[in-house]
Amino acid sequence: MIRWRLAEHRIELIADINNKDQISTITFGRGNQETHRDCVLNLVAFIKACGIKDQWKADGIDRFNNQLWKAAIMEWGYPVWESNS
């Protein structure tokens, strides 16, 4: 599951919906260009491992996510990746 938490300026990535204690986050406003790159790579890896790539593209969620991502960077700044899994 990918869940945007706009009030907290972050995205939560939960690989197993039955185990919400293992969560990774992408938090905007605390990073730089290098951490931004890491976040993009980790998000792509998460989608490949836990999602259905064809569905991600077919229903337009990829475009919607990209628009949110760009707006988040403009509003809050570059993100950082954190994982407790």
Protein backbone atom coordinates (compact mmCIF):
# COMPACT_ATOMS: atom_id res chain seq x y z
CA MET A 1 0.00 0.00 0.00
CA ILE A 2 1.19 3.50 -0.80
CA ARG A 3 -0.44 6.17 1.32
CA TRP A 4 0.16 9.90 0.95
CA ARG A 5 0.06 11.74 4.29
CA LEU A 6 -0.09 15.32 3.06
CA ALA A 7 -0.47 16.88 6.51
CA GLU A 8 2.78 15.18 7.57
CA HIS A 9 4.54 15.90 4.24
CA ARG A 10 5.22 12.23 3.61
CA ILE A 11 4.38 9.04 1.79
CA GLU A 12 4.02 5.76 3.69
CA LEU A 13 4.89 2.50 1.97
CA ILE A 14 3.54 -0.65 3.58
CA ALA A 15 4.58 -3.91 1.91
CA ASP A 16 2.28 -6.14 4.00
CA ILE A 17 -1.13 -4.67 4.83
CA ASN A 18 -1.37 -7.13 7.74
CA ASN A 19 1.88 -5.87 9.26
CA LYS A 20 1.64 -2.09 9.47
CA ASP A 21 4.55 -1.99 11.93
CA GLN A 22 6.97 -2.46 9.03
CA ILE A 23 6.69 0.77 7.16
CA SER A 24 8.95 2.85 4.99
CA THR A 25 8.46 6.57 4.58
CA ILE A 26 9.45 9.25 2.14
CA THR A 27 9.38 12.56 4.00
CA PHE A 28 9.59 15.80 2.07
CA GLY A 29 11.47 18.88 3.21
CA ARG A 30 14.49 17.31 4.89
CA GLY A 31 16.57 16.15 1.94
CA ASN A 32 18.69 17.19 -0.99
CA GLN A 33 19.14 16.11 -4.61
CA GLU A 34 21.01 12.96 -3.57
CA THR A 35 18.37 11.83 -1.06
CA HIS A 36 15.72 12.65 -3.66
CA ARG A 37 17.35 10.22 -6.09
CA ASP A 38 17.41 7.52 -3.39
CA CYS A 39 13.71 8.08 -2.70
CA VAL A 40 12.81 7.72 -6.37
CA LEU A 41 14.84 4.50 -6.68
CA ASN A 42 13.31 3.07 -3.50
CA LEU A 43 9.78 3.96 -4.62
CA VAL A 44 10.32 2.27 -7.99
CA ALA A 45 11.73 -0.82 -6.24
CA PHE A 46 8.73 -0.88 -3.88
CA ILE A 47 6.27 -0.69 -6.78
CA LYS A 48 8.07 -3.50 -8.61
CA ALA A 49 8.22 -5.71 -5.52
CA CYS A 50 4.79 -5.01 -4.02
CA GLY A 51 2.62 -3.68 -6.81
CA ILE A 52 1.35 -4.52 -10.22
CA LYS A 53 3.33 -2.39 -12.66
CA ASP A 54 0.74 -2.65 -15.46
CA GLN A 55 -2.03 -1.50 -13.11
CA TRP A 56 0.16 1.38 -11.89
CA LYS A 57 0.33 2.70 -15.44
CA ALA A 58 -3.07 1.62 -16.79
CA ASP A 59 -5.27 3.47 -14.32
CA GLY A 60 -3.22 6.68 -14.38
CA ILE A 61 -2.03 6.47 -10.80
CA ASP A 62 1.55 6.93 -12.05
CA ARG A 63 0.70 10.33 -13.55
CA PHE A 64 -1.25 11.36 -10.46
CA ASN A 65 1.61 10.32 -8.17
CA ASN A 66 4.14 12.18 -10.33
CA GLN A 67 2.06 15.36 -10.11
CA LEU A 68 1.80 15.05 -6.33
CA TRP A 69 5.53 14.33 -6.08
CA LYS A 70 6.50 17.43 -8.08
CA ALA A 71 4.10 19.61 -6.10
CA ALA A 72 5.45 18.23 -2.81
CA ILE A 73 9.03 19.10 -3.79
CA MET A 74 8.02 22.60 -4.85
CA GLU A 75 6.04 23.17 -1.65
CA TRP A 76 8.15 21.38 0.99
CA GLY A 77 11.54 20.54 -0.54
CA TYR A 78 13.46 17.37 -1.34
CA PRO A 79 12.54 14.10 0.41
CA VAL A 80 14.44 11.58 2.53
CA TRP A 81 13.88 7.81 2.77
CA GLU A 82 13.42 6.02 6.08
CA SER A 83 12.66 2.35 6.65
CA ASN A 84 12.02 0.32 9.78
CA SER A 85 11.66 -3.00 7.96
